[in-house]
Amino acid sequence: MREDFEILKSGLIYFDNGATTLKPNVVVDAVKDYYTKYTANAHRGDYDNSLKVDMLYEGVRDKVCHLINASSSSEVVFTSGATDSLNRIVFGFMEDYLKEGDEVLLTVSEHASNILPWFYLQEKCGIVVRFIPLTADNEVTLENVSMSITEKTKVISIAHVTNVLGDIRPVQEIGKLCQEKGILFVVDAAQSVPHRKVDVQSSHIDFLAFSAHKMLGPTGVGVLYGRLDLLSKMRPTSYGGGMNTSFDLEGNYALKSLPSKLEAGTPNIAGVIGLGAAIDYLNHLGYEAIEKQEKEVRDYLISELKKIPNIILYNENILSSNVAFNLKDVFSQDTAVYLNHYHICVRAGNHCAKTLKNAIHVNNTCRISLYFYNTKEEVDELIRVLKDSENIFKVIL
């Protein structure tokens, strides 16, 4: 499907899909059509263009509902991204739900968006943030989760797939355990929904967050899923137009029902419509085909990287599409700048996972994050360039 991505015609080798994915023509066209053929606000007008926008906007909500197997489209709230979604979960629900001394379990390999809000709540409300220990391969097991639970544990909040090492957590088993023990289960699915099927009901997930831009869609759009009985208790973090039914000068006001009460103001309409086109595209490809392609390229990438003596691999046994590595005695950003000279895009740094250094004992890594449009031929070019890396400083200086 590489012909569907205009940017790939330039010869770019794009290995930074964990940060954001490329956009196929159908997504670009969907966004363009909104701006050039039927621009209108959502839920604001009684004319044809506005009614069309309403239909398309709410139609995407239905697509998301089916994608993650929510029980109702009312459980789907559009946000500005996974970060926004996680913050709403913490500050719109958990701040009222948790009490001083209640424990929240995370891991050291979480993204900043799934650590910093909890740290703030710890500082403000006196909750206790604890970390589930990882295995020698830096993975989460059901056993380690179970042994971390105490009578004070009220929430477990983890990524389905982490954004650096890419370990895939057993969310179905963890969700079942949470349900049995009355613990709320929050899942950061930003790195999983683009690559594999996620089922919020079979995994007993109470809250879920993900972003459109990591699954072929536009930036500035995310999804917050919440179980209906919990979402109904969520306090809006923004108030304004579109989420109220009435208000008066005496200070009385009434809010709309879900999900409208959590979507104040004009939404990113074009972005939501683009997300809908991205979901259609992924459904057309099929998650089974996506996983198969990614696995073949990743297995080949790992086997070829291991042939280079000065490569340090940090997650060769983990089965997702992320590969974290460094060149021995070379700063990760220097490696990224060197690869950029050959039009190869990788991510370098701590990848918004600053506590991960406590597990892998290194502050910064280079990350290759694959998607279904990456090929073995692109891997071959990467390997060729890395084999010549003894000249790295001649190139970048």
Protein backbone atom coordinates (compact mmCIF):
# COMPACT_ATOMS: atom_id res chain seq x y z
CA MET A 1 0.00 0.00 0.00
CA ARG A 2 3.03 2.31 -0.20
CA GLU A 3 1.59 4.04 -3.25
CA ASP A 4 -1.12 5.46 -0.99
CA PHE A 5 1.44 7.59 0.88
CA GLU A 6 2.56 10.60 -1.13
CA ILE A 7 5.51 11.36 1.14
CA LEU A 8 7.15 8.00 0.42
CA LYS A 9 7.61 8.97 -3.23
CA SER A 10 10.45 11.26 -2.10
CA GLY A 11 12.63 8.30 -1.11
CA LEU A 12 12.29 9.01 2.60
CA ILE A 13 12.83 6.04 4.94
CA TYR A 14 10.50 6.65 7.84
CA PHE A 15 11.15 4.62 10.99
CA ASP A 16 9.53 6.97 13.53
CA ASN A 17 5.98 5.65 13.55
CA GLY A 18 5.81 5.52 17.33
CA ALA A 19 5.97 9.33 17.32
CA THR A 20 3.47 9.77 14.50
CA THR A 21 2.53 7.83 11.39
CA LEU A 22 2.42 8.91 7.78
CA LYS A 23 -0.98 9.82 6.33
CA PRO A 24 -2.50 8.00 3.34
CA ASN A 25 -4.14 9.95 0.55
CA VAL A 26 -7.65 8.97 1.67
CA VAL A 27 -7.09 10.66 5.04
CA VAL A 28 -5.62 13.79 3.44
CA ASP A 29 -8.53 13.89 0.98
CA ALA A 30 -11.12 13.49 3.76
CA VAL A 31 -9.67 16.45 5.65
CA LYS A 32 -9.37 18.52 2.47
CA ASP A 33 -12.96 17.76 1.47
CA TYR A 34 -14.26 19.07 4.78
CA TYR A 35 -12.40 22.35 4.33
CA THR A 36 -13.19 22.79 0.64
CA LYS A 37 -16.61 21.18 0.05
CA TYR A 38 -18.85 21.31 3.11
CA THR A 39 -17.27 23.39 5.90
CA ALA A 40 -19.62 23.97 8.82
CA ASN A 41 -19.59 23.69 12.58
CA ALA A 42 -20.82 20.53 14.28
CA HIS A 43 -24.08 20.43 16.24
CA ARG A 44 -24.69 24.12 15.61
CA GLY A 45 -26.71 24.52 12.39
CA ASP A 46 -29.90 23.52 10.61
CA TYR A 47 -28.65 23.78 7.03
CA ASP A 48 -27.39 21.04 4.72
CA ASN A 49 -23.64 21.39 5.26
CA SER A 50 -24.01 21.48 9.04
CA LEU A 51 -26.28 18.45 9.05
CA LYS A 52 -23.78 16.60 6.87
CA VAL A 53 -21.00 17.47 9.33
CA ASP A 54 -23.12 16.18 12.21
CA MET A 55 -23.73 12.91 10.40
CA LEU A 56 -20.07 12.37 9.53
CA TYR A 57 -18.78 13.45 12.95
CA GLU A 58 -21.12 11.15 14.85
CA GLY A 59 -20.49 8.42 12.29
CA VAL A 60 -16.83 8.40 13.33
CA ARG A 61 -17.90 7.95 16.94
CA ASP A 62 -19.74 4.81 15.83
CA LYS A 63 -16.62 3.63 13.96
CA VAL A 64 -14.50 4.05 17.08
CA CYS A 65 -17.13 2.21 19.12
CA HIS A 66 -16.94 -0.78 16.78
CA LEU A 67 -13.15 -0.59 16.51
CA ILE A 68 -12.60 -1.06 20.25
CA ASN A 69 -15.85 -2.97 20.88
CA ALA A 70 -17.35 -0.45 23.28
CA SER A 71 -20.89 -1.25 24.38
CA SER A 72 -22.21 2.15 23.27
CA SER A 73 -21.06 5.09 21.16
CA SER A 74 -21.88 7.25 24.20
CA GLU A 75 -18.75 5.77 25.79
CA VAL A 76 -16.58 7.45 23.13
CA VAL A 77 -15.38 11.01 23.76
CA PHE A 78 -13.24 12.95 21.28
CA THR A 79 -10.27 14.77 22.78
CA SER A 80 -7.12 16.45 21.46
CA GLY A 81 -5.01 13.29 21.91
CA ALA A 82 -4.04 10.49 24.28
CA THR A 83 -2.37 12.98 26.63
CA ASP A 84 -5.58 14.98 26.90
CA SER A 85 -7.57 11.78 27.39
CA LEU A 86 -5.35 10.56 30.24
CA ASN A 87 -5.43 13.97 31.92
CA ARG A 88 -9.21 14.00 31.75
CA ILE A 89 -9.34 10.55 33.33
CA VAL A 90 -7.09 11.68 36.19
CA PHE A 91 -8.50 15.17 36.79
CA GLY A 92 -12.09 14.65 35.66
CA PHE A 93 -12.67 11.37 37.48
CA MET A 94 -9.83 10.09 39.65
CA GLU A 95 -9.34 13.35 41.56
CA ASP A 96 -12.86 12.95 42.95
CA TYR A 97 -12.75 9.16 43.20
CA LEU A 98 -9.44 8.61 45.03
CA LYS A 99 -8.76 9.46 48.67
CA GLU A 100 -5.58 10.10 50.63
CA GLY A 101 -3.59 6.89 50.98
CA ASP A 102 -5.21 5.13 48.01
CA GLU A 103 -2.65 3.43 45.78
CA VAL A 104 -2.22 3.69 42.01
CA LEU A 105 0.02 1.12 40.29
CA LEU A 106 2.12 2.16 37.26
CA THR A 107 5.38 0.93 35.72
CA VAL A 108 8.67 2.75 35.19
CA SER A 109 8.32 2.33 31.42
CA GLU A 110 5.17 4.43 31.12
CA HIS A 111 4.94 7.52 28.92
CA ALA A 112 5.05 10.88 30.74
CA SER A 113 1.32 11.31 30.06
CA ASN A 114 0.61 8.28 32.23
CA ILE A 115 2.95 9.27 35.07
CA LEU A 116 2.96 13.05 35.53
CA PRO A 117 -0.81 13.48 36.12
CA TRP A 118 -0.64 10.79 38.81
CA PHE A 119 2.40 12.47 40.38
CA TYR A 120 0.43 15.72 40.54
CA LEU A 121 -2.48 13.94 42.21
CA GLN A 122 -0.05 12.36 44.67
CA GLU A 123 1.28 15.80 45.55
CA LYS A 124 -2.15 17.45 45.75
CA CYS A 125 -4.38 14.75 47.22
CA GLY A 126 -2.02 12.38 49.01
CA ILE A 127 -2.57 9.30 46.86
CA VAL A 128 0.35 6.88 46.69
CA VAL A 129 1.96 6.05 43.34
CA ARG A 130 3.72 2.67 43.28
CA PHE A 131 5.48 0.80 40.47
CA ILE A 132 4.95 -2.77 39.32
CA PRO A 133 8.34 -4.51 39.04
CA LEU A 134 9.45 -5.59 35.56
CA THR A 135 11.02 -8.87 34.52
CA ALA A 136 14.65 -9.23 33.39
CA ASP A 137 13.39 -8.49 29.85
CA ASN A 138 11.61 -5.37 31.17
CA GLU A 139 8.16 -6.84 30.69
CA VAL A 140 5.02 -6.84 32.83
CA THR A 141 3.65 -10.20 33.93
CA LEU A 142 0.35 -11.05 35.57
CA GLU A 143 2.32 -12.51 38.48
CA ASN A 144 4.18 -9.24 39.08
CA VAL A 145 0.96 -7.27 38.88
CA SER A 146 -0.75 -9.60 41.34
CA MET A 147 2.10 -9.43 43.85
CA SER A 148 2.04 -5.62 43.70
CA ILE A 149 -1.61 -5.30 44.66
CA THR A 150 -2.46 -4.40 48.24
CA GLU A 151 -5.72 -3.70 50.01
CA LYS A 152 -5.12 -0.01 49.25
CA THR A 153 -4.76 -0.48 45.47
CA LYS A 154 -7.60 1.33 43.73
CA VAL A 155 -6.25 1.87 40.18
CA ILE A 156 -3.84 0.16 37.77
CA SER A 157 -2.85 2.45 34.88
CA ILE A 158 -0.49 1.05 32.26
CA ALA A 159 0.24 1.14 28.55
CA HIS A 160 -0.95 -1.79 26.48
CA VAL A 161 2.27 -1.48 24.46
CA THR A 162 5.06 0.78 25.72
CA ASN A 163 6.45 3.47 23.46
CA VAL A 164 10.18 2.69 23.83
CA LEU A 165 10.78 -1.01 24.41
CA GLY A 166 7.43 -2.00 22.92
CA ASP A 167 6.62 -4.74 25.42
CA ILE A 168 3.06 -5.99 25.01
CA ARG A 169 1.24 -6.24 28.30
CA PRO A 170 -1.32 -9.03 29.01
CA VAL A 171 -4.19 -6.58 29.36
CA GLN A 172 -6.93 -9.19 29.16
CA GLU A 173 -5.55 -11.10 32.13
CA ILE A 174 -4.75 -7.94 34.08
CA GLY A 175 -8.22 -6.57 33.37
CA LYS A 176 -9.83 -9.76 34.66
CA LEU A 177 -7.75 -9.54 37.83
CA CYS A 178 -8.76 -5.91 38.30
CA GLN A 179 -12.41 -6.77 37.87
CA GLU A 180 -12.16 -9.55 40.47
CA LYS A 181 -10.53 -7.23 43.00
CA GLY A 182 -12.61 -4.11 42.34
CA ILE A 183 -9.67 -2.15 40.93
CA LEU A 184 -10.16 0.36 38.12
CA PHE A 185 -8.13 -0.48 35.02
CA VAL A 186 -6.82 2.40 32.87
CA VAL A 187 -5.05 1.58 29.59
CA ASP A 188 -2.89 3.84 27.45
CA ALA A 189 -3.50 2.35 24.01
CA ALA A 190 -1.65 4.94 21.91
CA GLN A 191 0.87 2.34 20.75
CA SER A 192 -1.51 -0.62 20.46
CA VAL A 193 -4.69 0.51 18.65
CA PRO A 194 -2.70 1.36 15.46
CA HIS A 195 -1.20 -2.14 15.31
CA ARG A 196 -3.52 -4.71 16.88
CA LYS A 197 -7.13 -5.34 17.79
CA VAL A 198 -8.17 -3.93 21.16
CA ASP A 199 -11.37 -5.08 22.86
CA VAL A 200 -12.34 -3.00 25.88
CA GLN A 201 -15.09 -5.39 26.96
CA SER A 202 -13.20 -8.69 26.84
CA SER A 203 -10.21 -6.99 28.49
CA HIS A 204 -12.37 -5.45 31.24
CA ILE A 205 -10.90 -2.01 30.55
CA ASP A 206 -12.56 0.81 32.48
CA PHE A 207 -10.83 3.74 30.75
CA LEU A 208 -8.85 3.76 27.48
CA ALA A 209 -6.89 6.51 25.71
CA PHE A 210 -5.37 6.72 22.24
CA SER A 211 -4.44 9.22 19.51
CA ALA A 212 -5.48 9.52 15.86
CA HIS A 213 -2.07 10.61 14.57
CA LYS A 214 -0.39 7.34 15.56
CA MET A 215 -2.89 5.37 13.44
CA LEU A 216 -2.73 7.26 10.10
CA GLY A 217 -5.04 10.05 11.24
CA PRO A 218 -4.51 13.80 11.75
CA THR A 219 -2.78 15.34 14.74
CA GLY A 220 -4.80 17.06 17.44
CA VAL A 221 -7.43 14.32 17.80
CA GLY A 222 -7.71 11.62 20.42
CA VAL A 223 -10.21 9.24 21.95
CA LEU A 224 -11.25 8.79 25.54
CA TYR A 225 -13.23 5.62 26.21
CA GLY A 226 -14.90 5.18 29.55
CA ARG A 227 -17.29 2.56 30.82
CA LEU A 228 -20.69 4.26 30.75
CA ASP A 229 -21.39 4.08 34.49
CA LEU A 230 -17.97 5.61 35.20
CA LEU A 231 -18.03 8.17 32.40
CA SER A 232 -21.38 9.45 33.66
CA LYS A 233 -19.62 10.45 36.89
CA MET A 234 -16.75 12.22 35.11
CA ARG A 235 -16.54 15.93 35.75
CA PRO A 236 -15.95 18.04 32.62
CA THR A 237 -12.54 19.68 32.60
CA SER A 238 -13.81 22.34 30.17
CA TYR A 239 -17.08 24.24 30.21
CA GLY A 240 -18.63 26.23 27.39
CA GLY A 241 -20.69 25.96 24.25
CA GLY A 242 -22.10 22.68 23.02
CA MET A 243 -22.04 20.85 26.37
CA ASN A 244 -24.90 22.57 28.20
CA THR A 245 -28.67 22.63 27.76
CA SER A 246 -29.30 25.81 29.75
CA PHE A 247 -27.89 28.40 32.15
CA ASP A 248 -29.22 31.60 33.69
CA LEU A 249 -28.13 34.74 35.52
CA GLU A 250 -28.69 33.11 38.91
CA GLY A 251 -25.91 30.63 38.18
CA ASN A 252 -28.12 27.67 37.43
CA TYR A 253 -27.01 25.44 34.60
CA ALA A 254 -27.68 22.02 33.17
CA LEU A 255 -25.34 19.85 31.15
CA LYS A 256 -26.13 17.67 28.16
CA SER A 257 -25.94 13.89 28.35
CA LEU A 258 -22.89 11.88 27.36
CA PRO A 259 -20.77 12.28 25.37
CA SER A 260 -21.65 15.91 24.60
CA LYS A 261 -21.15 17.13 28.17
CA LEU A 262 -17.44 16.23 27.87
CA GLU A 263 -16.91 17.95 24.50
CA ALA A 264 -17.12 21.68 25.16
CA GLY A 265 -16.47 24.12 22.33
CA THR A 266 -15.94 23.56 18.64
CA PRO A 267 -14.18 20.22 18.17
CA ASN A 268 -11.46 19.37 15.68
CA ILE A 269 -14.06 18.41 13.10
CA ALA A 270 -11.67 17.89 10.21
CA GLY A 271 -9.44 15.80 12.44
CA VAL A 272 -12.29 13.57 13.57
CA ILE A 273 -13.41 13.06 9.97
CA GLY A 274 -9.80 12.21 9.09
CA LEU A 275 -9.74 9.69 11.94
CA GLY A 276 -12.80 8.06 10.43
CA ALA A 277 -11.03 7.70 7.09
CA ALA A 278 -8.00 6.23 8.88
CA ILE A 279 -10.17 3.65 10.66
CA ASP A 280 -11.75 2.66 7.34
CA TYR A 281 -8.28 2.25 5.84
CA LEU A 282 -7.03 0.09 8.72
CA ASN A 283 -10.16 -2.05 8.64
CA HIS A 284 -9.67 -2.55 4.89
CA LEU A 285 -6.11 -3.76 5.46
CA GLY A 286 -7.06 -5.88 8.46
CA TYR A 287 -5.14 -6.07 11.71
CA GLU A 288 -4.01 -9.62 11.02
CA ALA A 289 -2.25 -8.50 7.84
CA ILE A 290 -0.76 -5.47 9.60
CA GLU A 291 0.70 -7.59 12.41
CA LYS A 292 2.05 -10.16 9.94
CA GLN A 293 3.87 -7.53 7.85
CA GLU A 294 5.30 -5.76 10.89
CA LYS A 295 6.55 -9.02 12.40
CA GLU A 296 8.32 -10.07 9.21
CA VAL A 297 10.13 -6.74 8.90
CA ARG A 298 10.95 -6.55 12.61
CA ASP A 299 12.37 -10.09 12.71
CA TYR A 300 14.52 -9.27 9.70
CA LEU A 301 15.62 -5.96 11.26
CA ILE A 302 16.68 -7.65 14.51
CA SER A 303 18.59 -10.40 12.71
CA GLU A 304 20.49 -7.85 10.59
CA LEU A 305 21.24 -5.48 13.49
CA LYS A 306 22.75 -8.34 15.48
CA LYS A 307 25.33 -8.82 12.74
CA ILE A 308 26.79 -5.35 13.44
CA PRO A 309 29.38 -5.61 16.25
CA ASN A 310 28.97 -2.10 17.68
CA ILE A 311 25.17 -2.22 17.98
CA ILE A 312 23.63 -2.47 21.46
CA LEU A 313 20.06 -3.82 21.42
CA TYR A 314 17.77 -3.25 24.40
CA ASN A 315 14.65 -5.22 23.45
CA GLU A 316 15.45 -7.90 20.89
CA ASN A 317 13.13 -10.43 22.57
CA ILE A 318 10.05 -8.17 22.61
CA LEU A 319 7.55 -8.78 19.83
CA SER A 320 6.04 -5.40 18.97
CA SER A 321 7.15 -3.03 16.22
CA ASN A 322 9.65 -1.03 18.32
CA VAL A 323 13.40 -1.64 18.36
CA ALA A 324 15.58 0.32 20.79
CA PHE A 325 19.32 0.46 20.15
CA ASN A 326 22.50 2.49 20.43
CA LEU A 327 25.81 2.54 18.64
CA LYS A 328 28.51 1.76 21.19
CA ASP A 329 30.11 4.94 22.58
CA VAL A 330 27.92 7.18 20.37
CA PHE A 331 25.30 9.57 21.78
CA SER A 332 21.86 8.61 20.47
CA GLN A 333 21.13 12.04 18.98
CA ASP A 334 24.41 11.88 17.06
CA THR A 335 23.29 8.57 15.57
CA ALA A 336 19.94 10.08 14.58
CA VAL A 337 21.61 13.08 12.93
CA TYR A 338 23.93 10.70 11.06
CA LEU A 339 20.99 8.62 9.80
CA ASN A 340 19.14 11.76 8.78
CA HIS A 341 22.04 12.53 6.41
CA TYR A 342 20.87 9.45 4.46
CA HIS A 343 17.16 10.42 4.73
CA ILE A 344 16.48 7.80 7.41
CA CYS A 345 14.20 8.99 10.21
CA VAL A 346 14.51 7.52 13.72
CA ARG A 347 13.73 8.90 17.16
CA ALA A 348 16.51 9.59 19.66
CA GLY A 349 16.34 10.56 23.32
CA ASN A 350 14.34 9.34 26.30
CA HIS A 351 11.08 9.22 24.29
CA CYS A 352 9.00 10.85 27.06
CA ALA A 353 9.76 7.84 29.28
CA LYS A 354 12.28 9.37 31.66
CA THR A 355 11.86 6.78 34.42
CA LEU A 356 12.71 3.91 32.06
CA LYS A 357 16.41 4.59 32.69
CA ASN A 358 15.91 2.92 36.07
CA ALA A 359 15.22 -0.35 34.25
CA ILE A 360 17.57 -0.31 31.24
CA HIS A 361 20.31 1.80 32.92
CA VAL A 362 20.75 4.20 30.01
CA ASN A 363 19.23 7.65 29.61
CA ASN A 364 18.82 7.84 25.83
CA THR A 365 18.32 5.39 22.98
CA CYS A 366 17.60 5.37 19.28
CA ARG A 367 14.19 3.96 18.50
CA ILE A 368 13.09 2.37 15.26
CA SER A 369 9.31 2.06 15.24
CA LEU A 370 7.85 0.22 12.27
CA TYR A 371 4.50 0.29 10.55
CA PHE A 372 2.99 -1.84 7.80
CA TYR A 373 4.43 0.30 4.99
CA ASN A 374 8.04 -0.34 6.05
CA THR A 375 9.99 -2.89 4.01
CA LYS A 376 13.00 -5.17 4.18
CA GLU A 377 14.61 -3.05 1.46
CA GLU A 378 14.44 -0.04 3.78
CA VAL A 379 16.04 -2.16 6.50
CA ASP A 380 18.83 -3.08 4.10
CA GLU A 381 19.62 0.60 3.53
CA LEU A 382 19.61 1.27 7.27
CA ILE A 383 21.99 -1.63 7.87
CA ARG A 384 24.31 -0.44 5.08
CA VAL A 385 24.51 3.00 6.64
CA LEU A 386 25.03 1.68 10.17
CA LYS A 387 27.85 -0.59 8.99
CA ASP A 388 29.66 2.52 7.76
CA SER A 389 29.13 4.35 11.03
CA GLU A 390 32.84 4.52 11.88
CA ASN A 391 32.69 7.68 9.74
CA ILE A 392 29.79 9.11 11.71
CA PHE A 393 31.53 12.24 12.98
CA LYS A 394 32.93 13.08 9.55
CA VAL A 395 29.36 13.12 8.32
CA ILE A 396 27.68 15.09 11.10
CA LEU A 397 30.40 17.63 11.90
